[in-house]
Protein backbone atom coordinates (compact mmCIF):
# COMPACT_ATOMS: atom_id res chain seq x y z
CA MET A 1 183.33 214.46 94.35
CA THR A 2 181.63 216.77 96.41
CA ILE A 3 184.42 218.86 99.08
CA PHE A 4 182.22 220.93 101.66
CA ALA A 5 178.52 219.73 103.14
CA GLN A 6 175.91 221.50 102.75
CA ILE A 7 173.96 221.78 106.04
CA TYR A 8 170.57 221.53 107.47
CA ILE A 9 169.13 222.72 110.81
CA ASP A 10 167.44 221.48 112.49
CA GLU A 11 164.35 223.50 114.53
CA ASP A 12 166.86 223.04 118.08
CA VAL A 13 169.60 224.88 117.13
CA ASP A 14 170.21 228.34 116.92
CA VAL A 15 168.50 229.73 113.56
CA LEU A 16 172.44 231.72 114.33
CA VAL A 17 174.43 228.61 113.94
CA ALA A 18 173.72 228.89 109.90
CA THR A 19 174.26 232.74 109.42
CA LEU A 20 177.70 232.07 110.93
CA LEU A 21 178.36 229.34 109.26
CA ILE A 22 177.43 231.50 106.13
CA ALA A 23 179.24 234.01 107.17
CA ARG A 24 182.05 232.04 106.91
CA GLY A 25 181.20 230.78 103.47
CA LEU A 26 179.29 227.63 103.61
CA ASP A 27 175.84 226.52 102.59
CA ALA A 28 173.48 227.17 105.71
CA THR A 29 169.79 226.18 105.95
CA THR A 30 167.45 225.63 108.54
CA ALA A 31 163.92 223.75 108.91
CA ARG A 32 162.75 227.87 109.36
CA GLN A 33 164.30 228.63 105.88
CA GLN A 34 162.42 225.46 104.49
CA LYS A 35 159.22 225.93 106.26
CA THR A 36 159.47 221.70 107.65
CA LEU A 37 158.55 223.40 111.88
CA GLY A 38 157.26 220.90 114.16
CA GLU A 39 157.99 217.97 111.31
CA LEU A 40 159.32 215.59 113.34
CA ASP A 41 162.25 213.42 113.26
CA PRO A 42 162.47 211.25 111.01
CA GLN A 43 160.46 213.60 107.89
CA GLN A 44 163.59 215.74 109.04
CA LEU A 45 165.80 213.53 108.27
CA ALA A 46 164.39 211.99 105.29
CA PHE A 47 164.00 216.25 104.20
CA ALA A 48 167.94 216.20 104.87
CA ALA A 49 168.78 213.24 102.89
CA SER A 50 166.47 214.18 99.68
CA ILE A 51 167.66 217.46 99.44
CA GLY A 52 171.58 216.46 99.88
CA ARG A 53 172.35 217.97 102.77
CA CYS A 54 173.78 216.46 106.47
CA MET A 55 171.59 217.05 109.22
CA LEU A 56 172.92 219.70 112.78
CA THR A 57 170.98 218.64 115.11
CA HIS A 58 171.22 218.51 119.88
CA ASN A 59 168.44 215.50 119.73
CA ARG A 60 171.12 213.21 120.75
CA LEU A 61 169.06 209.82 121.12
CA ASP A 62 166.38 210.69 118.57
CA PHE A 63 169.26 210.55 116.19
CA GLU A 64 171.06 207.59 117.11
CA LYS A 65 167.99 205.40 116.37
CA LEU A 66 167.27 207.21 112.92
CA HIS A 67 170.60 205.97 111.88
CA THR A 68 170.86 203.11 112.81
CA SER A 69 167.51 202.39 110.95
CA TYR A 70 168.82 204.31 108.07
CA VAL A 71 171.86 201.78 108.15
CA LEU A 72 169.64 198.41 108.83
CA ASN A 73 167.37 199.72 105.68
CA ASN A 74 170.22 200.21 103.46
CA GLN A 75 168.97 203.52 103.42
CA THR A 76 170.80 206.81 103.06
CA HIS A 77 171.27 210.07 103.64
CA ALA A 78 174.22 213.61 104.40
CA GLY A 79 174.94 212.59 107.51
CA ILE A 80 174.34 213.20 110.51
CA ILE A 81 175.66 215.82 113.05
CA ILE A 82 175.20 215.59 116.72
CA ALA A 83 176.10 218.58 118.54
CA LYS A 84 176.82 219.28 122.41
CA ARG A 85 174.67 222.45 123.55
CA ARG A 86 176.54 225.18 123.73
CA ASN A 87 177.02 228.12 122.60
CA PRO A 88 176.20 228.85 118.72
CA TYR A 89 179.80 230.34 118.45
CA GLU A 90 181.00 227.44 119.53
CA ILE A 91 179.58 225.18 117.54
CA ALA A 92 179.64 226.81 115.00
CA GLU A 93 183.39 226.43 114.84
CA ARG A 94 183.59 223.12 115.59
CA VAL A 95 180.98 222.46 112.76
CA ALA A 96 183.74 225.19 110.40
CA MET A 97 186.22 222.08 111.49
CA LEU A 98 184.52 219.16 111.41
CA LEU A 99 183.37 220.60 107.01
CA ASP A 100 187.46 222.16 107.12
CA THR A 101 188.22 218.61 107.47
CA LEU A 102 186.31 215.69 105.63
CA THR A 103 184.19 215.54 102.08
CA ALA A 104 180.87 215.50 102.07
CA ASP A 105 181.14 211.88 100.34
CA GLU A 106 183.23 211.32 103.60
CA ILE A 107 180.55 212.86 106.13
CA ALA A 108 177.38 210.66 103.73
CA ASN A 109 176.15 208.39 105.95
CA GLN A 110 177.82 209.06 109.04
CA LEU A 111 176.71 209.89 112.62
CA LEU A 112 179.42 212.59 113.66
CA TYR A 113 179.71 214.11 117.51
CA ILE A 114 181.32 217.13 117.86
């Protein structure tokens, strides 16, 4: 069982969020670090799933549809966290609280909102 989910932050979320999560001892990476900038949302989620990382995004509409598609097609992902646009410090705080509350296994295949 994996305790803390590893986070993959898509390009529309401020990279400062990754820095703040890493400073808290959490495992976070960005689309820029993974050289996936400009990839479409389905490819972003597929990439995150392939490396076992939970997706963090602001893009609610597209990722809700993608999550539904994954469920209907019996595909798995490591979780999707939809963050309302806020100050990066507040987003990092909310993600950290979520990761302190739920294990990676509990987040897997879930669509969560912060």
